[in-house]
């Protein structure tokens, strides 16, 4: 069985990303890294990955990716990433792999490892992560944003496995939290006071987080640690672009 994949290439609320402005392109996805647009690198890696089926790309203006031809199927993006995922996956169906266009380092072996572990987990949704110690071992020069739980500290790897329709309930929760991102108290009410207190006191474990998401959505979820810390390196700022270019030169 092959699995379709959705690449998120849109801009939040249609705004032009600072990196896109820096590179004088319409979207961050088109920013050249080592002379090649990031979206092209992601598509190429997925094409080299065993088990991957049709590649779909979500972007506000599909005509901007006309150069990819029939290598991908294009879907018009929604104002937010969560809405884009919900609308696209309802069209594509599940199971489905989701990643992002700014994951310029993406390697087939990372995707294959993530898919294998996700299938073995037998849950509704998985999220790829890299543990802090793994990142510091493999790419100590990177500056990542870490989520600190009581048992692990990690950074996301922009890889998500949506195993079935139930997984979309987690995306719906994500959409709700995005709507409240400028109203922290509403986010706190959504997640629950006990969860917020555990975060503040650094007593929230990874399994309690997974359990809380299950309580809120009815979906079983699992964080999937990957073995290569470089899998957590995406391009969010100019220093990331420079780092990724350097890493690609020595790959």
C-alpha atoms as a PDB file:
ATOM      1  CA  UNK A   1       0.000   0.000   0.000  1.00  0.00           C
ATOM      2  CA  UNK A   2       1.204   3.506  -0.827  1.00  0.00           C
ATOM      3  CA  UNK A   3       0.394   6.546   1.274  1.00  0.00           C
ATOM      4  CA  UNK A   4      -0.508   9.964  -0.185  1.00  0.00           C
ATOM      5  CA  UNK A   5       1.309  12.968   1.228  1.00  0.00           C
ATOM      6  CA  UNK A   6       0.232  16.563   1.705  1.00  0.00           C
ATOM      7  CA  UNK A   7       2.839  19.345   1.634  1.00  0.00           C
ATOM      8  CA  UNK A   8       1.802  22.622   3.248  1.00  0.00           C
ATOM      9  CA  UNK A   9       3.221  25.468   1.148  1.00  0.00           C
ATOM     10  CA  UNK A  10       0.820  28.325   1.909  1.00  0.00           C
ATOM     11  CA  UNK A  11       1.288  31.493   3.927  1.00  0.00           C
ATOM     12  CA  UNK A  12      -0.526  32.120   7.200  1.00  0.00           C
ATOM     13  CA  UNK A  13      -3.557  34.358   6.569  1.00  0.00           C
ATOM     14  CA  UNK A  14      -2.200  35.003   3.070  1.00  0.00           C
ATOM     15  CA  UNK A  15       0.590  37.219   4.422  1.00  0.00           C
ATOM     16  CA  UNK A  16       3.947  37.259   2.675  1.00  0.00           C
ATOM     17  CA  UNK A  17       6.597  35.604   4.827  1.00  0.00           C
ATOM     18  CA  UNK A  18       9.737  37.636   5.727  1.00  0.00           C
ATOM     19  CA  UNK A  19      11.900  34.899   4.191  1.00  0.00           C
ATOM     20  CA  UNK A  20       9.927  35.164   0.959  1.00  0.00           C
ATOM     21  CA  UNK A  21      10.581  38.887   0.956  1.00  0.00           C
ATOM     22  CA  UNK A  22      14.254  38.259   1.618  1.00  0.00           C
ATOM     23  CA  UNK A  23      14.452  35.882  -1.335  1.00  0.00           C
ATOM     24  CA  UNK A  24      12.236  38.079  -3.538  1.00  0.00           C
ATOM     25  CA  UNK A  25       9.766  35.251  -4.114  1.00  0.00           C
ATOM     26  CA  UNK A  26       6.011  35.071  -3.592  1.00  0.00           C
ATOM     27  CA  UNK A  27       6.116  32.268  -1.001  1.00  0.00           C
ATOM     28  CA  UNK A  28       8.677  30.923   1.437  1.00  0.00           C
ATOM     29  CA  UNK A  29       8.234  27.542  -0.272  1.00  0.00           C
ATOM     30  CA  UNK A  30       9.926  29.004  -3.355  1.00  0.00           C
ATOM     31  CA  UNK A  31      12.956  30.327  -1.485  1.00  0.00           C
ATOM     32  CA  UNK A  32      16.070  28.888  -3.186  1.00  0.00           C
ATOM     33  CA  UNK A  33      18.414  26.881  -0.980  1.00  0.00           C
ATOM     34  CA  UNK A  34      21.582  25.973  -2.818  1.00  0.00           C
ATOM     35  CA  UNK A  35      19.959  27.215  -6.027  1.00  0.00           C
ATOM     36  CA  UNK A  36      16.877  24.987  -5.698  1.00  0.00           C
ATOM     37  CA  UNK A  37      13.477  26.087  -4.343  1.00  0.00           C
ATOM     38  CA  UNK A  38      12.693  24.405  -1.024  1.00  0.00           C
ATOM     39  CA  UNK A  39       9.437  22.933  -2.341  1.00  0.00           C
ATOM     40  CA  UNK A  40      11.354  21.220  -5.156  1.00  0.00           C
ATOM     41  CA  UNK A  41      13.712  19.633  -2.638  1.00  0.00           C
ATOM     42  CA  UNK A  42      10.827  18.305  -0.549  1.00  0.00           C
ATOM     43  CA  UNK A  43       9.020  16.900  -3.585  1.00  0.00           C
ATOM     44  CA  UNK A  44      12.209  15.224  -4.825  1.00  0.00           C
ATOM     45  CA  UNK A  45      12.848  13.568  -1.449  1.00  0.00           C
ATOM     46  CA  UNK A  46       9.299  12.253  -1.281  1.00  0.00           C
ATOM     47  CA  UNK A  47       9.581  10.902  -4.820  1.00  0.00           C
ATOM     48  CA  UNK A  48      12.608   8.894  -3.629  1.00  0.00           C
ATOM     49  CA  UNK A  49      10.760   7.536  -0.576  1.00  0.00           C
ATOM     50  CA  UNK A  50       9.382   4.012  -0.700  1.00  0.00           C
ATOM     51  CA  UNK A  51       5.716   3.687   0.166  1.00  0.00           C
ATOM     52  CA  UNK A  52       4.776   7.221  -0.881  1.00  0.00           C
ATOM     53  CA  UNK A  53       1.873   7.627  -3.287  1.00  0.00           C
ATOM     54  CA  UNK A  54       0.400  10.778  -4.816  1.00  0.00           C
ATOM     55  CA  UNK A  55       1.994  14.041  -3.692  1.00  0.00           C
ATOM     56  CA  UNK A  56      -0.398  16.923  -2.994  1.00  0.00           C
ATOM     57  CA  UNK A  57       0.596  20.528  -2.334  1.00  0.00           C
ATOM     58  CA  UNK A  58      -1.551  23.146  -0.601  1.00  0.00           C
ATOM     59  CA  UNK A  59      -0.874  26.778  -1.618  1.00  0.00           C
ATOM     60  CA  UNK A  60      -3.015  29.913  -2.089  1.00  0.00           C
ATOM     61  CA  UNK A  61      -2.054  30.370  -5.730  1.00  0.00           C
ATOM     62  CA  UNK A  62      -1.518  26.963  -7.371  1.00  0.00           C
ATOM     63  CA  UNK A  63      -0.221  28.667 -10.519  1.00  0.00           C
ATOM     64  CA  UNK A  64       2.958  29.586  -8.615  1.00  0.00           C
ATOM     65  CA  UNK A  65       3.912  25.893  -8.637  1.00  0.00           C
ATOM     66  CA  UNK A  66       3.169  25.248 -12.299  1.00  0.00           C
ATOM     67  CA  UNK A  67       6.848  24.379 -12.833  1.00  0.00           C
ATOM     68  CA  UNK A  68       6.292  21.113 -10.923  1.00  0.00           C
ATOM     69  CA  UNK A  69       3.940  19.890 -13.629  1.00  0.00           C
ATOM     70  CA  UNK A  70       2.190  16.574 -13.050  1.00  0.00           C
ATOM     71  CA  UNK A  71       4.659  15.583 -10.316  1.00  0.00           C
ATOM     72  CA  UNK A  72       2.153  16.974  -7.807  1.00  0.00           C
ATOM     73  CA  UNK A  73      -1.561  17.639  -7.421  1.00  0.00           C
ATOM     74  CA  UNK A  74      -2.359  21.179  -6.294  1.00  0.00           C
ATOM     75  CA  UNK A  75      -4.977  22.274  -3.750  1.00  0.00           C
ATOM     76  CA  UNK A  76      -5.886  25.857  -2.892  1.00  0.00           C
ATOM     77  CA  UNK A  77      -4.773  26.623   0.667  1.00  0.00           C
ATOM     78  CA  UNK A  78      -7.018  28.010   3.393  1.00  0.00           C
ATOM     79  CA  UNK A  79      -6.129  30.998   5.642  1.00  0.00           C
ATOM     80  CA  UNK A  80      -4.478  28.839   8.336  1.00  0.00           C
ATOM     81  CA  UNK A  81      -2.387  25.640   8.263  1.00  0.00           C
ATOM     82  CA  UNK A  82      -4.948  23.699  10.311  1.00  0.00           C
ATOM     83  CA  UNK A  83      -7.792  24.635   7.965  1.00  0.00           C
ATOM     84  CA  UNK A  84      -5.621  23.735   4.974  1.00  0.00           C
ATOM     85  CA  UNK A  85      -4.983  20.281   6.445  1.00  0.00           C
ATOM     86  CA  UNK A  86      -8.648  19.695   7.267  1.00  0.00           C
ATOM     87  CA  UNK A  87      -9.883  20.716   3.835  1.00  0.00           C
ATOM     88  CA  UNK A  88      -7.150  18.886   1.933  1.00  0.00           C
ATOM     89  CA  UNK A  89      -7.293  15.609   3.849  1.00  0.00           C
ATOM     90  CA  UNK A  90     -11.065  15.462   3.482  1.00  0.00           C
ATOM     91  CA  UNK A  91     -10.368  15.453  -0.257  1.00  0.00           C
ATOM     92  CA  UNK A  92      -7.305  13.180  -0.212  1.00  0.00           C
ATOM     93  CA  UNK A  93      -8.577  10.728   2.409  1.00  0.00           C
ATOM     94  CA  UNK A  94      -6.749   8.833   5.123  1.00  0.00           C
ATOM     95  CA  UNK A  95      -4.233   7.474   5.880  1.00  0.00           C
ATOM     96  CA  UNK A  96      -2.193  10.496   4.862  1.00  0.00           C
ATOM     97  CA  UNK A  97       1.261  11.888   5.623  1.00  0.00           C
ATOM     98  CA  UNK A  98       1.561  15.644   6.184  1.00  0.00           C
ATOM     99  CA  UNK A  99       4.760  17.698   5.965  1.00  0.00           C
ATOM    100  CA  UNK A 100       5.828  21.236   5.098  1.00  0.00           C
ATOM    101  CA  UNK A 101       7.517  22.932   2.167  1.00  0.00           C
ATOM    102  CA  UNK A 102      10.182  24.530   4.375  1.00  0.00           C
ATOM    103  CA  UNK A 103      11.593  21.128   5.356  1.00  0.00           C
ATOM    104  CA  UNK A 104      14.412  21.560   2.839  1.00  0.00           C
ATOM    105  CA  UNK A 105      16.639  18.912   4.471  1.00  0.00           C
ATOM    106  CA  UNK A 106      13.973  16.205   4.323  1.00  0.00           C
ATOM    107  CA  UNK A 107      15.484  12.783   3.606  1.00  0.00           C
ATOM    108  CA  UNK A 108      13.738   9.596   2.400  1.00  0.00           C
ATOM    109  CA  UNK A 109      15.143   7.570   5.307  1.00  0.00           C
ATOM    110  CA  UNK A 110      13.572   9.951   7.833  1.00  0.00           C
ATOM    111  CA  UNK A 111      10.164   9.600   6.221  1.00  0.00           C
ATOM    112  CA  UNK A 112      10.495   5.814   5.994  1.00  0.00           C
ATOM    113  CA  UNK A 113      11.512   5.576   9.658  1.00  0.00           C
ATOM    114  CA  UNK A 114       8.587   7.789  10.669  1.00  0.00           C
ATOM    115  CA  UNK A 115       6.057   5.799   8.638  1.00  0.00           C
ATOM    116  CA  UNK A 116       7.337   2.480   9.977  1.00  0.00           C
ATOM    117  CA  UNK A 117       7.138   3.644  13.599  1.00  0.00           C
ATOM    118  CA  UNK A 118       3.744   5.276  13.036  1.00  0.00           C
ATOM    119  CA  UNK A 119       2.238   2.075  11.646  1.00  0.00           C
ATOM    120  CA  UNK A 120       3.715   0.079  14.517  1.00  0.00           C
ATOM    121  CA  UNK A 121       2.236   2.500  17.076  1.00  0.00           C
ATOM    122  CA  UNK A 122      -1.315   1.601  15.993  1.00  0.00           C
ATOM    123  CA  UNK A 123      -2.800   4.979  16.952  1.00  0.00           C
ATOM    124  CA  UNK A 124      -4.944   7.500  15.106  1.00  0.00           C
ATOM    125  CA  UNK A 125      -2.310  10.226  14.732  1.00  0.00           C
ATOM    126  CA  UNK A 126       1.439  10.517  15.212  1.00  0.00           C
ATOM    127  CA  UNK A 127       3.822  13.471  15.215  1.00  0.00           C
ATOM    128  CA  UNK A 128       7.510  13.174  14.432  1.00  0.00           C
ATOM    129  CA  UNK A 129       9.861  14.741  16.978  1.00  0.00           C
ATOM    130  CA  UNK A 130      13.582  14.905  17.688  1.00  0.00           C
ATOM    131  CA  UNK A 131      14.772  14.796  21.280  1.00  0.00           C
ATOM    132  CA  UNK A 132      16.917  17.684  22.441  1.00  0.00           C
ATOM    133  CA  UNK A 133      19.906  15.451  23.076  1.00  0.00           C
ATOM    134  CA  UNK A 134      19.614  13.975  19.577  1.00  0.00           C
ATOM    135  CA  UNK A 135      19.531  17.432  17.978  1.00  0.00           C
ATOM    136  CA  UNK A 136      22.492  18.649  20.021  1.00  0.00           C
ATOM    137  CA  UNK A 137      24.422  15.524  19.035  1.00  0.00           C
ATOM    138  CA  UNK A 138      23.746  15.756  15.298  1.00  0.00           C
ATOM    139  CA  UNK A 139      23.439  19.478  14.623  1.00  0.00           C
ATOM    140  CA  UNK A 140      24.679  21.438  17.675  1.00  0.00           C
ATOM    141  CA  UNK A 141      24.876  24.698  15.711  1.00  0.00           C
ATOM    142  CA  UNK A 142      21.125  24.931  15.160  1.00  0.00           C
ATOM    143  CA  UNK A 143      18.807  27.115  17.223  1.00  0.00           C
ATOM    144  CA  UNK A 144      15.560  25.214  17.797  1.00  0.00           C
ATOM    145  CA  UNK A 145      12.475  25.971  19.830  1.00  0.00           C
ATOM    146  CA  UNK A 146      12.002  23.182  22.364  1.00  0.00           C
ATOM    147  CA  UNK A 147       8.922  21.927  24.142  1.00  0.00           C
ATOM    148  CA  UNK A 148       9.964  21.011  27.662  1.00  0.00           C
ATOM    149  CA  UNK A 149       8.006  18.234  29.376  1.00  0.00           C
ATOM    150  CA  UNK A 150       8.975  16.581  32.631  1.00  0.00           C
ATOM    151  CA  UNK A 151      10.347  13.478  30.903  1.00  0.00           C
ATOM    152  CA  UNK A 152      11.579  14.814  27.558  1.00  0.00           C
ATOM    153  CA  UNK A 153      12.505  18.021  25.745  1.00  0.00           C
ATOM    154  CA  UNK A 154      11.927  17.962  22.008  1.00  0.00           C
ATOM    155  CA  UNK A 155      11.440  19.892  18.809  1.00  0.00           C
ATOM    156  CA  UNK A 156       8.977  18.994  16.067  1.00  0.00           C
ATOM    157  CA  UNK A 157      10.044  17.476  12.752  1.00  0.00           C
ATOM    158  CA  UNK A 158       7.138  18.670  10.580  1.00  0.00           C
ATOM    159  CA  UNK A 159       5.985  15.110   9.967  1.00  0.00           C
ATOM    160  CA  UNK A 160       2.465  13.988  10.859  1.00  0.00           C
ATOM    161  CA  UNK A 161       0.657  10.716  10.229  1.00  0.00           C
ATOM    162  CA  UNK A 162      -3.122  10.883   9.998  1.00  0.00           C
ATOM    163  CA  UNK A 163      -4.164   7.269  10.160  1.00  0.00           C
ATOM    164  CA  UNK A 164      -7.929   7.585   9.872  1.00  0.00           C
ATOM    165  CA  UNK A 165     -10.892   9.968  10.056  1.00  0.00           C
ATOM    166  CA  UNK A 166     -10.657  10.173  13.858  1.00  0.00           C
ATOM    167  CA  UNK A 167      -7.262  11.868  13.513  1.00  0.00           C
ATOM    168  CA  UNK A 168      -9.002  14.896  12.007  1.00  0.00           C
ATOM    169  CA  UNK A 169     -10.443  15.635  15.445  1.00  0.00           C
ATOM    170  CA  UNK A 170      -6.911  16.533  16.560  1.00  0.00           C
ATOM    171  CA  UNK A 171      -6.564  18.895  13.594  1.00  0.00           C
ATOM    172  CA  UNK A 172      -9.900  20.457  14.571  1.00  0.00           C
ATOM    173  CA  UNK A 173      -8.497  21.050  18.089  1.00  0.00           C
ATOM    174  CA  UNK A 174      -5.397  22.611  16.509  1.00  0.00           C
ATOM    175  CA  UNK A 175      -7.649  24.922  14.477  1.00  0.00           C
ATOM    176  CA  UNK A 176      -9.489  25.949  17.631  1.00  0.00           C
ATOM    177  CA  UNK A 177      -6.244  26.730  19.457  1.00  0.00           C
ATOM    178  CA  UNK A 178      -5.005  28.757  16.480  1.00  0.00           C
ATOM    179  CA  UNK A 179      -8.110  30.886  16.639  1.00  0.00           C
ATOM    180  CA  UNK A 180      -7.315  31.638  20.295  1.00  0.00           C
ATOM    181  CA  UNK A 181      -3.593  32.286  19.847  1.00  0.00           C
ATOM    182  CA  UNK A 182      -4.070  35.982  20.748  1.00  0.00           C
ATOM    183  CA  UNK A 183      -6.310  35.083  23.702  1.00  0.00           C
ATOM    184  CA  UNK A 184      -4.216  32.849  26.008  1.00  0.00           C
ATOM    185  CA  UNK A 185      -7.002  32.498  28.570  1.00  0.00           C
ATOM    186  CA  UNK A 186      -9.263  30.907  25.944  1.00  0.00           C
ATOM    187  CA  UNK A 187      -6.475  28.495  25.013  1.00  0.00           C
ATOM    188  CA  UNK A 188      -6.070  27.650  28.693  1.00  0.00           C
ATOM    189  CA  UNK A 189      -9.800  26.954  29.047  1.00  0.00           C
ATOM    190  CA  UNK A 190      -9.691  24.707  25.981  1.00  0.00           C
ATOM    191  CA  UNK A 191      -6.728  22.660  27.217  1.00  0.00           C
ATOM    192  CA  UNK A 192      -7.891  22.564  30.823  1.00  0.00           C
ATOM    193  CA  UNK A 193      -6.544  24.205  33.965  1.00  0.00           C
ATOM    194  CA  UNK A 194      -4.816  21.060  35.214  1.00  0.00           C
ATOM    195  CA  UNK A 195      -2.862  20.742  31.973  1.00  0.00           C
ATOM    196  CA  UNK A 196      -1.790  24.391  32.090  1.00  0.00           C
ATOM    197  CA  UNK A 197      -0.683  24.023  35.724  1.00  0.00           C
ATOM    198  CA  UNK A 198       1.378  20.958  34.829  1.00  0.00           C
ATOM    199  CA  UNK A 199       3.026  22.899  32.008  1.00  0.00           C
ATOM    200  CA  UNK A 200       3.828  25.813  34.304  1.00  0.00           C
ATOM    201  CA  UNK A 201       5.207  23.550  37.035  1.00  0.00           C
ATOM    202  CA  UNK A 202       7.051  21.360  34.511  1.00  0.00           C
ATOM    203  CA  UNK A 203       5.245  18.221  35.673  1.00  0.00           C
ATOM    204  CA  UNK A 204       3.498  17.405  32.388  1.00  0.00           C
ATOM    205  CA  UNK A 205       4.811  14.131  30.947  1.00  0.00           C
ATOM    206  CA  UNK A 206       4.612  13.110  27.312  1.00  0.00           C
ATOM    207  CA  UNK A 207       2.135  10.325  28.094  1.00  0.00           C
ATOM    208  CA  UNK A 208      -0.106  12.725  30.039  1.00  0.00           C
ATOM    209  CA  UNK A 209      -0.039  15.097  27.076  1.00  0.00           C
ATOM    210  CA  UNK A 210      -1.034  12.267  24.741  1.00  0.00           C
ATOM    211  CA  UNK A 211      -3.738  11.226  27.209  1.00  0.00           C
ATOM    212  CA  UNK A 212      -5.097  14.789  27.441  1.00  0.00           C
ATOM    213  CA  UNK A 213      -5.350  15.096  23.656  1.00  0.00           C
ATOM    214  CA  UNK A 214      -7.211  11.781  23.601  1.00  0.00           C
ATOM    215  CA  UNK A 215      -9.639  13.086  26.240  1.00  0.00           C
ATOM    216  CA  UNK A 216     -10.277  16.270  24.262  1.00  0.00           C
ATOM    217  CA  UNK A 217     -10.592  14.686  20.815  1.00  0.00           C
ATOM    218  CA  UNK A 218     -11.253  10.977  21.176  1.00  0.00           C
ATOM    219  CA  UNK A 219      -8.172  10.299  19.041  1.00  0.00           C
ATOM    220  CA  UNK A 220      -5.207   8.245  20.196  1.00  0.00           C
ATOM    221  CA  UNK A 221      -1.916  10.044  19.513  1.00  0.00           C
ATOM    222  CA  UNK A 222       1.766   9.286  19.860  1.00  0.00           C
ATOM    223  CA  UNK A 223       4.960  11.330  19.695  1.00  0.00           C
ATOM    224  CA  UNK A 224       7.479   9.514  17.482  1.00  0.00           C
ATOM    225  CA  UNK A 225      11.167  10.282  18.195  1.00  0.00           C
ATOM    226  CA  UNK A 226      13.357  10.073  15.100  1.00  0.00           C
ATOM    227  CA  UNK A 227      16.956   8.903  15.170  1.00  0.00           C
ATOM    228  CA  UNK A 228      18.511  11.848  13.266  1.00  0.00           C
ATOM    229  CA  UNK A 229      18.425  15.246  14.965  1.00  0.00           C
ATOM    230  CA  UNK A 230      18.717  17.033  11.619  1.00  0.00           C
ATOM    231  CA  UNK A 231      15.121  16.023  10.948  1.00  0.00           C
ATOM    232  CA  UNK A 232      14.060  18.889  13.235  1.00  0.00           C
ATOM    233  CA  UNK A 233      15.788  21.558  11.140  1.00  0.00           C
ATOM    234  CA  UNK A 234      13.360  23.519   8.999  1.00  0.00           C
ATOM    235  CA  UNK A 235      13.702  27.043   7.598  1.00  0.00           C
ATOM    236  CA  UNK A 236      11.940  29.612   9.783  1.00  0.00           C
ATOM    237  CA  UNK A 237      14.516  32.408   9.748  1.00  0.00           C
ATOM    238  CA  UNK A 238      17.554  33.554   7.709  1.00  0.00           C
ATOM    239  CA  UNK A 239      20.013  31.721   9.962  1.00  0.00           C
ATOM    240  CA  UNK A 240      18.133  28.471   9.259  1.00  0.00           C
ATOM    241  CA  UNK A 241      18.457  29.054   5.514  1.00  0.00           C
ATOM    242  CA  UNK A 242      22.215  29.571   5.841  1.00  0.00           C
ATOM    243  CA  UNK A 243      22.585  26.481   8.045  1.00  0.00           C
ATOM    244  CA  UNK A 244      20.570  24.270   5.704  1.00  0.00           C
ATOM    245  CA  UNK A 245      22.647  25.462   2.731  1.00  0.00           C
ATOM    246  CA  UNK A 246      25.835  24.560   4.617  1.00  0.00           C
ATOM    247  CA  UNK A 247      24.523  21.135   5.602  1.00  0.00           C
ATOM    248  CA  UNK A 248      23.469  20.350   2.041  1.00  0.00           C
ATOM    249  CA  UNK A 249      26.973  21.165   0.806  1.00  0.00           C
ATOM    250  CA  UNK A 250      28.442  18.456   3.046  1.00  0.00           C
ATOM    251  CA  UNK A 251      25.636  15.867   2.721  1.00  0.00           C
END
